Amino acid sequence: FLAEAMDVSVEDIQAMVLGGHGDTMVPLVS
């Protein structure tokens, strides 16, 4: 989603989410 929004390759994105699968999952934006 980030790669599409910024028009970059997904390979350029380093990211992680934590939490339970679903509404409690939190992206670690920082």
PDB file of all heavy atoms in Angstrom:
ATOM      1  N   PHE A   1       0.831  -1.209   0.000  1.00  0.00           N
ATOM      2  CA  PHE A   1       0.000   0.000   0.000  1.00  0.00           C
ATOM      3  C   PHE A   1       0.865   1.258   0.000  1.00  0.00           C
ATOM      4  O   PHE A   1       0.592   2.215  -0.719  1.00  0.00           O
ATOM      5  CB  PHE A   1      -0.942   0.024   1.208  1.00  0.00           C
ATOM      6  CG  PHE A   1      -2.016  -1.017   1.164  1.00  0.00           C
ATOM      7  CD1 PHE A   1      -2.429  -1.644   2.330  1.00  0.00           C
ATOM      8  CD2 PHE A   1      -2.627  -1.405  -0.021  1.00  0.00           C
ATOM      9  CE1 PHE A   1      -3.419  -2.614   2.316  1.00  0.00           C
ATOM     10  CE2 PHE A   1      -3.618  -2.376  -0.058  1.00  0.00           C
ATOM     11  CZ  PHE A   1      -4.013  -2.977   1.119  1.00  0.00           C
ATOM     12  N   LEU A   2       1.920   1.251   0.818  1.00  0.00           N
ATOM     13  CA  LEU A   2       2.820   2.404   0.859  1.00  0.00           C
ATOM     14  C   LEU A   2       3.510   2.604  -0.486  1.00  0.00           C
ATOM     15  O   LEU A   2       3.612   3.738  -0.980  1.00  0.00           O
ATOM     16  CB  LEU A   2       3.859   2.226   1.961  1.00  0.00           C
ATOM     17  CG  LEU A   2       3.345   2.297   3.397  1.00  0.00           C
ATOM     18  CD1 LEU A   2       4.460   1.927   4.368  1.00  0.00           C
ATOM     19  CD2 LEU A   2       2.767   3.661   3.706  1.00  0.00           C
ATOM     20  N   ALA A   3       3.990   1.522  -1.079  1.00  0.00           N
ATOM     21  CA  ALA A   3       4.674   1.615  -2.375  1.00  0.00           C
ATOM     22  C   ALA A   3       3.745   2.170  -3.443  1.00  0.00           C
ATOM     23  O   ALA A   3       4.147   3.041  -4.235  1.00  0.00           O
ATOM     24  CB  ALA A   3       5.214   0.248  -2.778  1.00  0.00           C
ATOM     25  N   GLU A   4       2.504   1.709  -3.462  1.00  0.00           N
ATOM     26  CA  GLU A   4       1.544   2.212  -4.445  1.00  0.00           C
ATOM     27  C   GLU A   4       1.241   3.691  -4.213  1.00  0.00           C
ATOM     28  O   GLU A   4       1.193   4.477  -5.159  1.00  0.00           O
ATOM     29  CB  GLU A   4       0.251   1.407  -4.393  1.00  0.00           C
ATOM     30  CG  GLU A   4       0.374   0.032  -5.002  1.00  0.00           C
ATOM     31  CD  GLU A   4      -0.925  -0.760  -4.918  1.00  0.00           C
ATOM     32  OE1 GLU A   4      -1.879  -0.320  -4.229  1.00  0.00           O
ATOM     33  OE2 GLU A   4      -0.979  -1.840  -5.531  1.00  0.00           O
ATOM     34  N   ALA A   5       1.063   4.072  -2.950  1.00  0.00           N
ATOM     35  CA  ALA A   5       0.724   5.460  -2.624  1.00  0.00           C
ATOM     36  C   ALA A   5       1.858   6.416  -2.978  1.00  0.00           C
ATOM     37  O   ALA A   5       1.614   7.572  -3.350  1.00  0.00           O
ATOM     38  CB  ALA A   5       0.370   5.582  -1.145  1.00  0.00           C
ATOM     39  N   MET A   6       3.099   5.955  -2.861  1.00  0.00           N
ATOM     40  CA  MET A   6       4.254   6.818  -3.118  1.00  0.00           C
ATOM     41  C   MET A   6       4.880   6.586  -4.483  1.00  0.00           C
ATOM     42  O   MET A   6       5.887   7.203  -4.819  1.00  0.00           O
ATOM     43  CB  MET A   6       5.288   6.618  -2.015  1.00  0.00           C
ATOM     44  CG  MET A   6       4.799   7.145  -0.694  1.00  0.00           C
ATOM     45  SD  MET A   6       6.073   7.054   0.554  1.00  0.00           S
ATOM     46  CE  MET A   6       5.597   5.552   1.361  1.00  0.00           C
ATOM     47  N   ASP A   7       4.294   5.667  -5.242  1.00  0.00           N
ATOM     48  CA  ASP A   7       4.786   5.333  -6.583  1.00  0.00           C
ATOM     49  C   ASP A   7       6.270   4.962  -6.569  1.00  0.00           C
ATOM     50  O   ASP A   7       7.084   5.506  -7.322  1.00  0.00           O
ATOM     51  CB  ASP A   7       4.524   6.489  -7.558  1.00  0.00           C
ATOM     52  CG  ASP A   7       4.682   6.047  -9.010  1.00  0.00           C
ATOM     53  OD1 ASP A   7       4.433   4.855  -9.301  1.00  0.00           O
ATOM     54  OD2 ASP A   7       5.068   6.883  -9.846  1.00  0.00           O
ATOM     55  N   VAL A   8       6.610   4.037  -5.649  1.00  0.00           N
ATOM     56  CA  VAL A   8       7.966   3.492  -5.561  1.00  0.00           C
ATOM     57  C   VAL A   8       7.870   1.976  -5.562  1.00  0.00           C
ATOM     58  O   VAL A   8       6.788   1.403  -5.394  1.00  0.00           O
ATOM     59  CB  VAL A   8       8.721   3.978  -4.293  1.00  0.00           C
ATOM     60  CG1 VAL A   8       8.855   5.494  -4.294  1.00  0.00           C
ATOM     61  CG2 VAL A   8       8.028   3.503  -3.028  1.00  0.00           C
ATOM     62  N   SER A   9       8.992   1.323  -5.693  1.00  0.00           N
ATOM     63  CA  SER A   9       9.019  -0.129  -5.639  1.00  0.00           C
ATOM     64  C   SER A   9       8.818  -0.598  -4.202  1.00  0.00           C
ATOM     65  O   SER A   9       9.331   0.009  -3.257  1.00  0.00           O
ATOM     66  CB  SER A   9      10.370  -0.642  -6.149  1.00  0.00           C
ATOM     67  OG  SER A   9      10.487  -2.034  -5.894  1.00  0.00           O
ATOM     68  N   VAL A  10       8.106  -1.689  -4.050  1.00  0.00           N
ATOM     69  CA  VAL A  10       7.909  -2.265  -2.722  1.00  0.00           C
ATOM     70  C   VAL A  10       9.250  -2.671  -2.112  1.00  0.00           C
ATOM     71  O   VAL A  10       9.401  -2.696  -0.886  1.00  0.00           O
ATOM     72  CB  VAL A  10       6.899  -3.445  -2.768  1.00  0.00           C
ATOM     73  CG1 VAL A  10       7.514  -4.658  -3.435  1.00  0.00           C
ATOM     74  CG2 VAL A  10       6.393  -3.793  -1.387  1.00  0.00           C
ATOM     75  N   GLU A  11      10.232  -2.929  -2.948  1.00  0.00           N
ATOM     76  CA  GLU A  11      11.566  -3.284  -2.456  1.00  0.00           C
ATOM     77  C   GLU A  11      12.244  -2.118  -1.744  1.00  0.00           C
ATOM     78  O   GLU A  11      13.160  -2.324  -0.949  1.00  0.00           O
ATOM     79  CB  GLU A  11      12.444  -3.771  -3.616  1.00  0.00           C
ATOM     80  CG  GLU A  11      11.960  -5.076  -4.193  1.00  0.00           C
ATOM     81  CD  GLU A  11      12.736  -5.511  -5.424  1.00  0.00           C
ATOM     82  OE1 GLU A  11      13.671  -4.783  -5.841  1.00  0.00           O
ATOM     83  OE2 GLU A  11      12.416  -6.576  -5.953  1.00  0.00           O
ATOM     84  N   ASP A  12      11.778  -0.884  -1.994  1.00  0.00           N
ATOM     85  CA  ASP A  12      12.341   0.291  -1.337  1.00  0.00           C
ATOM     86  C   ASP A  12      11.729   0.552   0.034  1.00  0.00           C
ATOM     87  O   ASP A  12      12.204   1.412   0.772  1.00  0.00           O
ATOM     88  CB  ASP A  12      12.134   1.539  -2.208  1.00  0.00           C
ATOM     89  CG  ASP A  12      12.893   1.454  -3.518  1.00  0.00           C
ATOM     90  OD1 ASP A  12      13.969   0.814  -3.543  1.00  0.00           O
ATOM     91  OD2 ASP A  12      12.404   2.016  -4.515  1.00  0.00           O
ATOM     92  N   ILE A  13      10.681  -0.172   0.373  1.00  0.00           N
ATOM     93  CA  ILE A  13       9.959   0.045   1.626  1.00  0.00           C
ATOM     94  C   ILE A  13      10.430  -0.949   2.681  1.00  0.00           C
ATOM     95  O   ILE A  13      10.441  -2.158   2.457  1.00  0.00           O
ATOM     96  CB  ILE A  13       8.431  -0.153   1.438  1.00  0.00           C
ATOM     97  CG1 ILE A  13       7.895   0.691   0.293  1.00  0.00           C
ATOM     98  CG2 ILE A  13       7.685   0.095   2.740  1.00  0.00           C
ATOM     99  CD1 ILE A  13       7.781   2.148   0.560  1.00  0.00           C
ATOM    100  N   GLN A  14      10.815  -0.431   3.837  1.00  0.00           N
ATOM    101  CA  GLN A  14      11.091  -1.260   5.017  1.00  0.00           C
ATOM    102  C   GLN A  14      10.020  -0.908   6.042  1.00  0.00           C
ATOM    103  O   GLN A  14       9.885   0.265   6.418  1.00  0.00           O
ATOM    104  CB  GLN A  14      12.482  -0.973   5.589  1.00  0.00           C
ATOM    105  CG  GLN A  14      13.601  -1.369   4.664  1.00  0.00           C
ATOM    106  CD  GLN A  14      13.611  -2.869   4.398  1.00  0.00           C
ATOM    107  OE1 GLN A  14      13.442  -3.679   5.304  1.00  0.00           O
ATOM    108  NE2 GLN A  14      13.797  -3.238   3.146  1.00  0.00           N
ATOM    109  N   ALA A  15       9.254  -1.892   6.464  1.00  0.00           N
ATOM    110  CA  ALA A  15       8.131  -1.616   7.355  1.00  0.00           C
ATOM    111  C   ALA A  15       7.756  -2.874   8.130  1.00  0.00           C
ATOM    112  O   ALA A  15       8.161  -3.980   7.770  1.00  0.00           O
ATOM    113  CB  ALA A  15       6.934  -1.125   6.546  1.00  0.00           C
ATOM    114  N   MET A  16       6.957  -2.673   9.183  1.00  0.00           N
ATOM    115  CA  MET A  16       6.504  -3.804   9.998  1.00  0.00           C
ATOM    116  C   MET A  16       5.181  -3.432  10.673  1.00  0.00           C
ATOM    117  O   MET A  16       4.947  -2.263  10.982  1.00  0.00           O
ATOM    118  CB  MET A  16       7.539  -4.124  11.075  1.00  0.00           C
ATOM    119  CG  MET A  16       7.208  -5.348  11.880  1.00  0.00           C
ATOM    120  SD  MET A  16       8.330  -5.643  13.266  1.00  0.00           S
ATOM    121  CE  MET A  16       9.922  -5.453  12.532  1.00  0.00           C
ATOM    122  N   VAL A  17       4.352  -4.432  10.877  1.00  0.00           N
ATOM    123  CA  VAL A  17       3.137  -4.266  11.673  1.00  0.00           C
ATOM    124  C   VAL A  17       3.178  -5.267  12.825  1.00  0.00           C
ATOM    125  O   VAL A  17       3.792  -6.325  12.715  1.00  0.00           O
ATOM    126  CB  VAL A  17       1.851  -4.458  10.829  1.00  0.00           C
ATOM    127  CG1 VAL A  17       1.714  -3.374   9.779  1.00  0.00           C
ATOM    128  CG2 VAL A  17       1.805  -5.818  10.184  1.00  0.00           C
ATOM    129  N   LEU A  18       2.539  -4.907  13.924  1.00  0.00           N
ATOM    130  CA  LEU A  18       2.454  -5.773  15.101  1.00  0.00           C
ATOM    131  C   LEU A  18       1.007  -5.903  15.533  1.00  0.00           C
ATOM    132  O   LEU A  18       0.171  -5.076  15.200  1.00  0.00           O
ATOM    133  CB  LEU A  18       3.260  -5.184  16.272  1.00  0.00           C
ATOM    134  CG  LEU A  18       4.764  -5.106  16.119  1.00  0.00           C
ATOM    135  CD1 LEU A  18       5.360  -4.424  17.341  1.00  0.00           C
ATOM    136  CD2 LEU A  18       5.369  -6.475  15.929  1.00  0.00           C
ATOM    137  N   GLY A  19       0.749  -6.910  16.341  1.00  0.00           N
ATOM    138  CA  GLY A  19      -0.581  -7.085  16.916  1.00  0.00           C
ATOM    139  C   GLY A  19      -1.314  -8.241  16.286  1.00  0.00           C
ATOM    140  O   GLY A  19      -0.814  -8.915  15.395  1.00  0.00           O
ATOM    141  N   GLY A  20      -2.513  -8.451  16.761  1.00  0.00           N
ATOM    142  CA  GLY A  20      -3.347  -9.526  16.254  1.00  0.00           C
ATOM    143  C   GLY A  20      -3.798  -9.249  14.838  1.00  0.00           C
ATOM    144  O   GLY A  20      -3.895  -8.092  14.414  1.00  0.00           O
ATOM    145  N   HIS A  21      -4.087 -10.292  14.125  1.00  0.00           N
ATOM    146  CA  HIS A  21      -4.548 -10.171  12.748  1.00  0.00           C
ATOM    147  C   HIS A  21      -5.917  -9.491  12.752  1.00  0.00           C
ATOM    148  O   HIS A  21      -6.857  -9.975  13.353  1.00  0.00           O
ATOM    149  CB  HIS A  21      -4.634 -11.572  12.132  1.00  0.00           C
ATOM    150  CG  HIS A  21      -5.033 -11.569  10.702  1.00  0.00           C
ATOM    151  ND1 HIS A  21      -4.256 -11.010   9.718  1.00  0.00           N
ATOM    152  CD2 HIS A  21      -6.125 -12.073  10.092  1.00  0.00           C
ATOM    153  CE1 HIS A  21      -4.861 -11.166   8.555  1.00  0.00           C
ATOM    154  NE2 HIS A  21      -5.983 -11.808   8.762  1.00  0.00           N
ATOM    155  N   GLY A  22      -6.013  -8.329  12.125  1.00  0.00           N
ATOM    156  CA  GLY A  22      -7.291  -7.629  12.062  1.00  0.00           C
ATOM    157  C   GLY A  22      -7.199  -6.216  12.603  1.00  0.00           C
ATOM    158  O   GLY A  22      -6.181  -5.534  12.452  1.00  0.00           O
ATOM    159  N   ASP A  23      -8.272  -5.787  13.261  1.00  0.00           N
ATOM    160  CA  ASP A  23      -8.387  -4.404  13.718  1.00  0.00           C
ATOM    161  C   ASP A  23      -7.363  -4.013  14.778  1.00  0.00           C
ATOM    162  O   ASP A  23      -7.104  -2.826  14.972  1.00  0.00           O
ATOM    163  CB  ASP A  23      -9.792  -4.144  14.263  1.00  0.00           C
ATOM    164  CG  ASP A  23     -10.860  -4.233  13.185  1.00  0.00           C
ATOM    165  OD1 ASP A  23     -10.493  -4.124  11.999  1.00  0.00           O
ATOM    166  OD2 ASP A  23     -12.032  -4.412  13.535  1.00  0.00           O
ATOM    167  N   THR A  24      -6.776  -4.963  15.469  1.00  0.00           N
ATOM    168  CA  THR A  24      -5.809  -4.628  16.516  1.00  0.00           C
ATOM    169  C   THR A  24      -4.385  -4.528  15.988  1.00  0.00           C
ATOM    170  O   THR A  24      -3.471  -4.212  16.739  1.00  0.00           O
ATOM    171  CB  THR A  24      -5.856  -5.665  17.652  1.00  0.00           C
ATOM    172  OG1 THR A  24      -5.508  -6.946  17.126  1.00  0.00           O
ATOM    173  CG2 THR A  24      -7.227  -5.712  18.307  1.00  0.00           C
ATOM    174  N   MET A  25      -4.198  -4.785  14.697  1.00  0.00           N
ATOM    175  CA  MET A  25      -2.861  -4.703  14.113  1.00  0.00           C
ATOM    176  C   MET A  25      -2.465  -3.237  13.962  1.00  0.00           C
ATOM    177  O   MET A  25      -3.261  -2.406  13.550  1.00  0.00           O
ATOM    178  CB  MET A  25      -2.824  -5.410  12.764  1.00  0.00           C
ATOM    179  CG  MET A  25      -1.430  -5.571  12.245  1.00  0.00           C
ATOM    180  SD  MET A  25      -1.304  -6.884  11.040  1.00  0.00           S
ATOM    181  CE  MET A  25      -1.296  -8.294  12.122  1.00  0.00           C
ATOM    182  N   VAL A  26      -1.207  -2.935  14.317  1.00  0.00           N
ATOM    183  CA  VAL A  26      -0.724  -1.557  14.316  1.00  0.00           C
ATOM    184  C   VAL A  26       0.524  -1.446  13.442  1.00  0.00           C
ATOM    185  O   VAL A  26       1.509  -2.156  13.677  1.00  0.00           O
ATOM    186  CB  VAL A  26      -0.376  -1.113  15.763  1.00  0.00           C
ATOM    187  CG1 VAL A  26       0.182   0.295  15.779  1.00  0.00           C
ATOM    188  CG2 VAL A  26      -1.588  -1.245  16.663  1.00  0.00           C
ATOM    189  N   PRO A  27       0.518  -0.541  12.450  1.00  0.00           N
ATOM    190  CA  PRO A  27       1.737  -0.317  11.674  1.00  0.00           C
ATOM    191  C   PRO A  27       2.738   0.477  12.512  1.00  0.00           C
ATOM    192  O   PRO A  27       2.372   1.428  13.198  1.00  0.00           O
ATOM    193  CB  PRO A  27       1.255   0.491  10.470  1.00  0.00           C
ATOM    194  CG  PRO A  27      -0.002   1.141  10.914  1.00  0.00           C
ATOM    195  CD  PRO A  27      -0.608   0.246  11.964  1.00  0.00           C
ATOM    196  N   LEU A  28       3.998   0.092  12.464  1.00  0.00           N
ATOM    197  CA  LEU A  28       5.045   0.802  13.195  1.00  0.00           C
ATOM    198  C   LEU A  28       5.590   1.915  12.305  1.00  0.00           C
ATOM    199  O   LEU A  28       6.649   1.792  11.691  1.00  0.00           O
ATOM    200  CB  LEU A  28       6.144  -0.159  13.621  1.00  0.00           C
ATOM    201  CG  LEU A  28       5.698  -1.275  14.559  1.00  0.00           C
ATOM    202  CD1 LEU A  28       6.875  -2.166  14.922  1.00  0.00           C
ATOM    203  CD2 LEU A  28       5.049  -0.710  15.805  1.00  0.00           C
ATOM    204  N   VAL A  29       4.850   3.001  12.260  1.00  0.00           N
ATOM    205  CA  VAL A  29       5.155   4.112  11.356  1.00  0.00           C
ATOM    206  C   VAL A  29       6.539   4.692  11.649  1.00  0.00           C
ATOM    207  O   VAL A  29       7.290   5.010  10.732  1.00  0.00           O
ATOM    208  CB  VAL A  29       4.067   5.205  11.456  1.00  0.00           C
ATOM    209  CG1 VAL A  29       4.406   6.391  10.571  1.00  0.00           C
ATOM    210  CG2 VAL A  29       2.713   4.616  11.082  1.00  0.00           C
ATOM    211  N   SER A  30       6.906   4.799  12.923  1.00  0.00           N
ATOM    212  CA  SER A  30       8.195   5.412  13.263  1.00  0.00           C
ATOM    213  C   SER A  30       9.380   4.545  12.824  1.00  0.00           C
ATOM    214  O   SER A  30      10.513   5.026  12.782  1.00  0.00           O
ATOM    215  CB  SER A  30       8.273   5.696  14.757  1.00  0.00           C
ATOM    216  OG  SER A  30       8.148   4.516  15.498  1.00  0.00           O
TER     217      SER A  30
END
